[in-house]
Amino acid sequence: MQTDVTEKIVGKIKVLSDEQKEQVLEFVETLEPPRRTLWEIWQEHLKDIPEEELDKIPTDASANLDHYLYGAPKK
């Protein structure tokens, strides 16, 4: 599908004047690819961790982070 869109765009651009092509180029250079959310990045990294390892994470890890990192008493 993406190739179809790209081909349509290229076809439309081919018939433009050089001046119009410059305008299109200026516009395209202002576009940025969509940014991934933190959640998407996190999910990408999690997919490589085996489920049995994820199951080892304590359910109270966020509340007792100091305990698990530094040995502080649990809350």
PDB file of N, CA and C in Angstrom:
ATOM      1  N   MET A   1       0.818  -1.192   0.000  1.00  0.00           N
ATOM      2  CA  MET A   1       0.000   0.000   0.000  1.00  0.00           C
ATOM      3  C   MET A   1       0.863   1.257   0.000  1.00  0.00           C
ATOM      4  N   GLN A   2       1.909   1.270   0.822  1.00  0.00           N
ATOM      5  CA  GLN A   2       2.766   2.450   0.896  1.00  0.00           C
ATOM      6  C   GLN A   2       3.427   2.727  -0.446  1.00  0.00           C
ATOM      7  N   THR A   3       3.799   1.674  -1.171  1.00  0.00           N
ATOM      8  CA  THR A   3       4.409   1.843  -2.479  1.00  0.00           C
ATOM      9  C   THR A   3       3.428   2.514  -3.429  1.00  0.00           C
ATOM     10  N   ASP A   4       2.151   2.148  -3.365  1.00  0.00           N
ATOM     11  CA  ASP A   4       1.138   2.769  -4.208  1.00  0.00           C
ATOM     12  C   ASP A   4       1.075   4.269  -3.955  1.00  0.00           C
ATOM     13  N   VAL A   5       1.089   4.667  -2.703  1.00  0.00           N
ATOM     14  CA  VAL A   5       1.034   6.082  -2.351  1.00  0.00           C
ATOM     15  C   VAL A   5       2.292   6.788  -2.856  1.00  0.00           C
ATOM     16  N   THR A   6       3.433   6.171  -2.650  1.00  0.00           N
ATOM     17  CA  THR A   6       4.691   6.761  -3.107  1.00  0.00           C
ATOM     18  C   THR A   6       4.681   6.928  -4.620  1.00  0.00           C
ATOM     19  N   GLU A   7       4.224   5.920  -5.322  1.00  0.00           N
ATOM     20  CA  GLU A   7       4.167   6.001  -6.784  1.00  0.00           C
ATOM     21  C   GLU A   7       3.213   7.100  -7.240  1.00  0.00           C
ATOM     22  N   LYS A   8       2.087   7.263  -6.554  1.00  0.00           N
ATOM     23  CA  LYS A   8       1.148   8.328  -6.899  1.00  0.00           C
ATOM     24  C   LYS A   8       1.783   9.700  -6.686  1.00  0.00           C
ATOM     25  N   ILE A   9       2.480   9.849  -5.581  1.00  0.00           N
ATOM     26  CA  ILE A   9       3.139  11.123  -5.284  1.00  0.00           C
ATOM     27  C   ILE A   9       4.184  11.428  -6.347  1.00  0.00           C
ATOM     28  N   VAL A  10       5.013  10.454  -6.658  1.00  0.00           N
ATOM     29  CA  VAL A  10       6.063  10.649  -7.668  1.00  0.00           C
ATOM     30  C   VAL A  10       5.436  10.998  -9.011  1.00  0.00           C
ATOM     31  N   GLY A  11       4.352  10.317  -9.380  1.00  0.00           N
ATOM     32  CA  GLY A  11       3.674  10.604 -10.640  1.00  0.00           C
ATOM     33  C   GLY A  11       3.171  12.037 -10.699  1.00  0.00           C
ATOM     34  N   LYS A  12       2.597  12.520  -9.606  1.00  0.00           N
ATOM     35  CA  LYS A  12       2.097  13.897  -9.558  1.00  0.00           C
ATOM     36  C   LYS A  12       3.239  14.899  -9.649  1.00  0.00           C
ATOM     37  N   ILE A  13       4.346  14.597  -8.993  1.00  0.00           N
ATOM     38  CA  ILE A  13       5.480  15.522  -8.976  1.00  0.00           C
ATOM     39  C   ILE A  13       6.152  15.615 -10.343  1.00  0.00           C
ATOM     40  N   LYS A  14       6.207  14.523 -11.053  1.00  0.00           N
ATOM     41  CA  LYS A  14       6.891  14.494 -12.352  1.00  0.00           C
ATOM     42  C   LYS A  14       6.354  15.542 -13.326  1.00  0.00           C
ATOM     43  N   VAL A  15       5.069  15.841 -13.267  1.00  0.00           N
ATOM     44  CA  VAL A  15       4.475  16.768 -14.235  1.00  0.00           C
ATOM     45  C   VAL A  15       4.566  18.229 -13.795  1.00  0.00           C
ATOM     46  N   LEU A  16       5.093  18.481 -12.604  1.00  0.00           N
ATOM     47  CA  LEU A  16       5.202  19.845 -12.103  1.00  0.00           C
ATOM     48  C   LEU A  16       6.382  20.575 -12.736  1.00  0.00           C
ATOM     49  N   SER A  17       6.303  21.888 -12.721  1.00  0.00           N
ATOM     50  CA  SER A  17       7.435  22.703 -13.195  1.00  0.00           C
ATOM     51  C   SER A  17       8.563  22.614 -12.166  1.00  0.00           C
ATOM     52  N   ASP A  18       9.755  23.026 -12.559  1.00  0.00           N
ATOM     53  CA  ASP A  18      10.892  22.999 -11.638  1.00  0.00           C
ATOM     54  C   ASP A  18      10.617  23.876 -10.418  1.00  0.00           C
ATOM     55  N   GLU A  19       9.950  24.995 -10.629  1.00  0.00           N
ATOM     56  CA  GLU A  19       9.626  25.890  -9.516  1.00  0.00           C
ATOM     57  C   GLU A  19       8.665  25.209  -8.539  1.00  0.00           C
ATOM     58  N   GLN A  20       7.675  24.521  -9.067  1.00  0.00           N
ATOM     59  CA  GLN A  20       6.730  23.812  -8.217  1.00  0.00           C
ATOM     60  C   GLN A  20       7.419  22.666  -7.480  1.00  0.00           C
ATOM     61  N   LYS A  21       8.331  21.991  -8.168  1.00  0.00           N
ATOM     62  CA  LYS A  21       9.082  20.909  -7.518  1.00  0.00           C
ATOM     63  C   LYS A  21       9.900  21.452  -6.354  1.00  0.00           C
ATOM     64  N   GLU A  22      10.460  22.638  -6.507  1.00  0.00           N
ATOM     65  CA  GLU A  22      11.207  23.267  -5.412  1.00  0.00           C
ATOM     66  C   GLU A  22      10.285  23.542  -4.229  1.00  0.00           C
ATOM     67  N   GLN A  23       9.065  23.994  -4.523  1.00  0.00           N
ATOM     68  CA  GLN A  23       8.103  24.257  -3.450  1.00  0.00           C
ATOM     69  C   GLN A  23       7.726  22.964  -2.729  1.00  0.00           C
ATOM     70  N   VAL A  24       7.529  21.916  -3.493  1.00  0.00           N
ATOM     71  CA  VAL A  24       7.214  20.618  -2.890  1.00  0.00           C
ATOM     72  C   VAL A  24       8.373  20.165  -2.008  1.00  0.00           C
ATOM     73  N   LEU A  25       9.597  20.300  -2.516  1.00  0.00           N
ATOM     74  CA  LEU A  25      10.773  19.899  -1.741  1.00  0.00           C
ATOM     75  C   LEU A  25      10.869  20.682  -0.440  1.00  0.00           C
ATOM     76  N   GLU A  26      10.635  21.991  -0.506  1.00  0.00           N
ATOM     77  CA  GLU A  26      10.677  22.814   0.706  1.00  0.00           C
ATOM     78  C   GLU A  26       9.637  22.329   1.720  1.00  0.00           C
ATOM     79  N   PHE A  27       8.452  21.994   1.218  1.00  0.00           N
ATOM     80  CA  PHE A  27       7.403  21.500   2.111  1.00  0.00           C
ATOM     81  C   PHE A  27       7.789  20.159   2.725  1.00  0.00           C
ATOM     82  N   VAL A  28       8.242  19.241   1.902  1.00  0.00           N
ATOM     83  CA  VAL A  28       8.575  17.899   2.375  1.00  0.00           C
ATOM     84  C   VAL A  28       9.694  17.952   3.415  1.00  0.00           C
ATOM     85  N   GLU A  29      10.630  18.864   3.239  1.00  0.00           N
ATOM     86  CA  GLU A  29      11.736  18.972   4.201  1.00  0.00           C
ATOM     87  C   GLU A  29      11.267  19.463   5.561  1.00  0.00           C
ATOM     88  N   THR A  30      10.086  20.074   5.636  1.00  0.00           N
ATOM     89  CA  THR A  30       9.559  20.518   6.936  1.00  0.00           C
ATOM     90  C   THR A  30       8.866  19.391   7.688  1.00  0.00           C
ATOM     91  N   LEU A  31       8.542  18.315   6.995  1.00  0.00           N
ATOM     92  CA  LEU A  31       7.844  17.198   7.626  1.00  0.00           C
ATOM     93  C   LEU A  31       8.807  16.374   8.463  1.00  0.00           C
ATOM     94  N   GLU A  32       8.293  15.845   9.552  1.00  0.00           N
ATOM     95  CA  GLU A  32       9.078  14.950  10.395  1.00  0.00           C
ATOM     96  C   GLU A  32       8.346  13.622  10.479  1.00  0.00           C
ATOM     97  N   PRO A  33       9.106  12.533  10.557  1.00  0.00           N
ATOM     98  CA  PRO A  33       8.433  11.244  10.724  1.00  0.00           C
ATOM     99  C   PRO A  33       7.710  11.225  12.065  1.00  0.00           C
ATOM    100  N   PRO A  34       6.632  10.445  12.167  1.00  0.00           N
ATOM    101  CA  PRO A  34       5.905  10.393  13.434  1.00  0.00           C
ATOM    102  C   PRO A  34       6.805   9.883  14.554  1.00  0.00           C
ATOM    103  N   ARG A  35       6.672  10.495  15.702  1.00  0.00           N
ATOM    104  CA  ARG A  35       7.472  10.077  16.857  1.00  0.00           C
ATOM    105  C   ARG A  35       6.770   8.936  17.575  1.00  0.00           C
ATOM    106  N   ARG A  36       7.580   8.028  18.061  1.00  0.00           N
ATOM    107  CA  ARG A  36       7.014   6.924  18.841  1.00  0.00           C
ATOM    108  C   ARG A  36       6.798   7.401  20.271  1.00  0.00           C
ATOM    109  N   THR A  37       5.761   6.886  20.876  1.00  0.00           N
ATOM    110  CA  THR A  37       5.505   7.225  22.272  1.00  0.00           C
ATOM    111  C   THR A  37       6.439   6.406  23.159  1.00  0.00           C
ATOM    112  N   LEU A  38       6.577   6.857  24.376  1.00  0.00           N
ATOM    113  CA  LEU A  38       7.401   6.120  25.343  1.00  0.00           C
ATOM    114  C   LEU A  38       6.866   4.702  25.517  1.00  0.00           C
ATOM    115  N   TRP A  39       5.538   4.567  25.527  1.00  0.00           N
ATOM    116  CA  TRP A  39       4.921   3.248  25.673  1.00  0.00           C
ATOM    117  C   TRP A  39       5.300   2.336  24.503  1.00  0.00           C
ATOM    118  N   GLU A  40       5.320   2.857  23.273  1.00  0.00           N
ATOM    119  CA  GLU A  40       5.696   2.054  22.101  1.00  0.00           C
ATOM    120  C   GLU A  40       7.155   1.601  22.192  1.00  0.00           C
ATOM    121  N   ILE A  41       8.015   2.494  22.636  1.00  0.00           N
ATOM    122  CA  ILE A  41       9.435   2.143  22.797  1.00  0.00           C
ATOM    123  C   ILE A  41       9.571   1.063  23.870  1.00  0.00           C
ATOM    124  N   TRP A  42       8.861   1.235  24.975  1.00  0.00           N
ATOM    125  CA  TRP A  42       8.895   0.275  26.079  1.00  0.00           C
ATOM    126  C   TRP A  42       8.418  -1.099  25.607  1.00  0.00           C
ATOM    127  N   GLN A  43       7.324  -1.144  24.857  1.00  0.00           N
ATOM    128  CA  GLN A  43       6.800  -2.414  24.355  1.00  0.00           C
ATOM    129  C   GLN A  43       7.797  -3.090  23.414  1.00  0.00           C
ATOM    130  N   GLU A  44       8.482  -2.290  22.617  1.00  0.00           N
ATOM    131  CA  GLU A  44       9.472  -2.862  21.697  1.00  0.00           C
ATOM    132  C   GLU A  44      10.586  -3.570  22.465  1.00  0.00           C
ATOM    133  N   HIS A  45      11.006  -2.988  23.565  1.00  0.00           N
ATOM    134  CA  HIS A  45      12.063  -3.606  24.368  1.00  0.00           C
ATOM    135  C   HIS A  45      11.543  -4.813  25.148  1.00  0.00           C
ATOM    136  N   LEU A  46      10.307  -4.744  25.596  1.00  0.00           N
ATOM    137  CA  LEU A  46       9.743  -5.841  26.371  1.00  0.00           C
ATOM    138  C   LEU A  46       9.550  -7.116  25.550  1.00  0.00           C
ATOM    139  N   LYS A  47       9.352  -6.985  24.258  1.00  0.00           N
ATOM    140  CA  LYS A  47       9.062  -8.170  23.438  1.00  0.00           C
ATOM    141  C   LYS A  47      10.241  -9.151  23.408  1.00  0.00           C
ATOM    142  N   ASP A  48      11.437  -8.670  23.719  1.00  0.00           N
ATOM    143  CA  ASP A  48      12.614  -9.536  23.703  1.00  0.00           C
ATOM    144  C   ASP A  48      12.860 -10.234  25.045  1.00  0.00           C
ATOM    145  N   ILE A  49      12.081  -9.880  26.044  1.00  0.00           N
ATOM    146  CA  ILE A  49      12.254 -10.475  27.378  1.00  0.00           C
ATOM    147  C   ILE A  49      11.290 -11.650  27.502  1.00  0.00           C
ATOM    148  N   PRO A  50      11.813 -12.834  27.837  1.00  0.00           N
ATOM    149  CA  PRO A  50      10.937 -14.003  27.986  1.00  0.00           C
ATOM    150  C   PRO A  50       9.878 -13.775  29.069  1.00  0.00           C
ATOM    151  N   GLU A  51       8.709 -14.317  28.853  1.00  0.00           N
ATOM    152  CA  GLU A  51       7.580 -14.146  29.778  1.00  0.00           C
ATOM    153  C   GLU A  51       7.939 -14.603  31.192  1.00  0.00           C
ATOM    154  N   GLU A  52       8.702 -15.697  31.295  1.00  0.00           N
ATOM    155  CA  GLU A  52       9.063 -16.197  32.634  1.00  0.00           C
ATOM    156  C   GLU A  52       9.951 -15.208  33.392  1.00  0.00           C
ATOM    157  N   GLU A  53      10.722 -14.408  32.676  1.00  0.00           N
ATOM    158  CA  GLU A  53      11.546 -13.383  33.337  1.00  0.00           C
ATOM    159  C   GLU A  53      10.671 -12.210  33.781  1.00  0.00           C
ATOM    160  N   LEU A  54       9.714 -11.840  32.960  1.00  0.00           N
ATOM    161  CA  LEU A  54       8.797 -10.760  33.339  1.00  0.00           C
ATOM    162  C   LEU A  54       7.981 -11.155  34.566  1.00  0.00           C
ATOM    163  N   ASP A  55       7.655 -12.431  34.683  1.00  0.00           N
ATOM    164  CA  ASP A  55       6.885 -12.908  35.830  1.00  0.00           C
ATOM    165  C   ASP A  55       7.671 -12.782  37.141  1.00  0.00           C
ATOM    166  N   LYS A  56       8.984 -12.658  37.066  1.00  0.00           N
ATOM    167  CA  LYS A  56       9.814 -12.543  38.266  1.00  0.00           C
ATOM    168  C   LYS A  56       9.805 -11.126  38.853  1.00  0.00           C
ATOM    169  N   ILE A  57       9.302 -10.154  38.091  1.00  0.00           N
ATOM    170  CA  ILE A  57       9.273  -8.779  38.585  1.00  0.00           C
ATOM    171  C   ILE A  57       8.240  -8.698  39.706  1.00  0.00           C
ATOM    172  N   PRO A  58       8.643  -8.202  40.884  1.00  0.00           N
ATOM    173  CA  PRO A  58       7.702  -8.123  42.003  1.00  0.00           C
ATOM    174  C   PRO A  58       6.536  -7.198  41.663  1.00  0.00           C
ATOM    175  N   THR A  59       5.357  -7.557  42.113  1.00  0.00           N
ATOM    176  CA  THR A  59       4.176  -6.742  41.822  1.00  0.00           C
ATOM    177  C   THR A  59       4.189  -5.423  42.582  1.00  0.00           C
ATOM    178  N   ASP A  60       4.995  -5.344  43.641  1.00  0.00           N
ATOM    179  CA  ASP A  60       5.094  -4.094  44.403  1.00  0.00           C
ATOM    180  C   ASP A  60       6.388  -3.336  44.091  1.00  0.00           C
ATOM    181  N   ALA A  61       6.963  -3.592  42.947  1.00  0.00           N
ATOM    182  CA  ALA A  61       8.265  -2.996  42.605  1.00  0.00           C
ATOM    183  C   ALA A  61       8.221  -1.475  42.598  1.00  0.00           C
ATOM    184  N   SER A  62       7.168  -0.883  42.098  1.00  0.00           N
ATOM    185  CA  SER A  62       7.135   0.587  42.041  1.00  0.00           C
ATOM    186  C   SER A  62       7.024   1.194  43.434  1.00  0.00           C
ATOM    187  N   ALA A  63       6.265   0.566  44.308  1.00  0.00           N
ATOM    188  CA  ALA A  63       6.095   1.099  45.666  1.00  0.00           C
ATOM    189  C   ALA A  63       7.324   0.847  46.532  1.00  0.00           C
ATOM    190  N   ASN A  64       8.053  -0.215  46.246  1.00  0.00           N
ATOM    191  CA  ASN A  64       9.197  -0.593  47.076  1.00  0.00           C
ATOM    192  C   ASN A  64      10.514  -0.592  46.286  1.00  0.00           C
ATOM    193  N   LEU A  65      10.645   0.347  45.384  1.00  0.00           N
ATOM    194  CA  LEU A  65      11.838   0.411  44.545  1.00  0.00           C
ATOM    195  C   LEU A  65      13.117   0.491  45.379  1.00  0.00           C
ATOM    196  N   ASP A  66      13.113   1.326  46.419  1.00  0.00           N
ATOM    197  CA  ASP A  66      14.295   1.454  47.270  1.00  0.00           C
ATOM    198  C   ASP A  66      14.650   0.129  47.939  1.00  0.00           C
ATOM    199  N   HIS A  67      13.652  -0.642  48.282  1.00  0.00           N
ATOM    200  CA  HIS A  67      13.903  -1.956  48.884  1.00  0.00           C
ATOM    201  C   HIS A  67      14.625  -2.869  47.900  1.00  0.00           C
ATOM    202  N   TYR A  68      14.111  -2.913  46.660  1.00  0.00           N
ATOM    203  CA  TYR A  68      14.682  -3.828  45.673  1.00  0.00           C
ATOM    204  C   TYR A  68      16.030  -3.342  45.134  1.00  0.00           C
ATOM    205  N   LEU A  69      16.251  -2.037  45.128  1.00  0.00           N
ATOM    206  CA  LEU A  69      17.538  -1.525  44.628  1.00  0.00           C
ATOM    207  C   LEU A  69      18.593  -1.435  45.730  1.00  0.00           C
ATOM    208  N   TYR A  70      18.178  -0.973  46.932  1.00  0.00           N
ATOM    209  CA  TYR A  70      19.154  -0.658  47.963  1.00  0.00           C
ATOM    210  C   TYR A  70      18.978  -1.437  49.262  1.00  0.00           C
ATOM    211  N   GLY A  71      17.937  -2.263  49.356  1.00  0.00           N
ATOM    212  CA  GLY A  71      17.721  -3.037  50.563  1.00  0.00           C
ATOM    213  C   GLY A  71      17.007  -2.293  51.678  1.00  0.00           C
ATOM    214  N   ALA A  72      16.421  -1.145  51.378  1.00  0.00           N
ATOM    215  CA  ALA A  72      15.678  -0.394  52.388  1.00  0.00           C
ATOM    216  C   ALA A  72      14.464  -1.207  52.839  1.00  0.00           C
ATOM    217  N   PRO A  73      13.924  -0.928  54.012  1.00  0.00           N
ATOM    218  CA  PRO A  73      12.736  -1.658  54.463  1.00  0.00           C
ATOM    219  C   PRO A  73      11.567  -1.451  53.491  1.00  0.00           C
ATOM    220  N   LYS A  74      10.745  -2.499  53.339  1.00  0.00           N
ATOM    221  CA  LYS A  74       9.569  -2.379  52.477  1.00  0.00           C
ATOM    222  C   LYS A  74       8.548  -1.448  53.103  1.00  0.00           C
ATOM    223  N   LYS A  75       7.780  -0.801  52.266  1.00  0.00           N
ATOM    224  CA  LYS A  75       6.731   0.120  52.748  1.00  0.00           C
ATOM    225  C   LYS A  75       5.466  -0.649  53.010  1.00  0.00           C
TER     226      LYS A  75
END
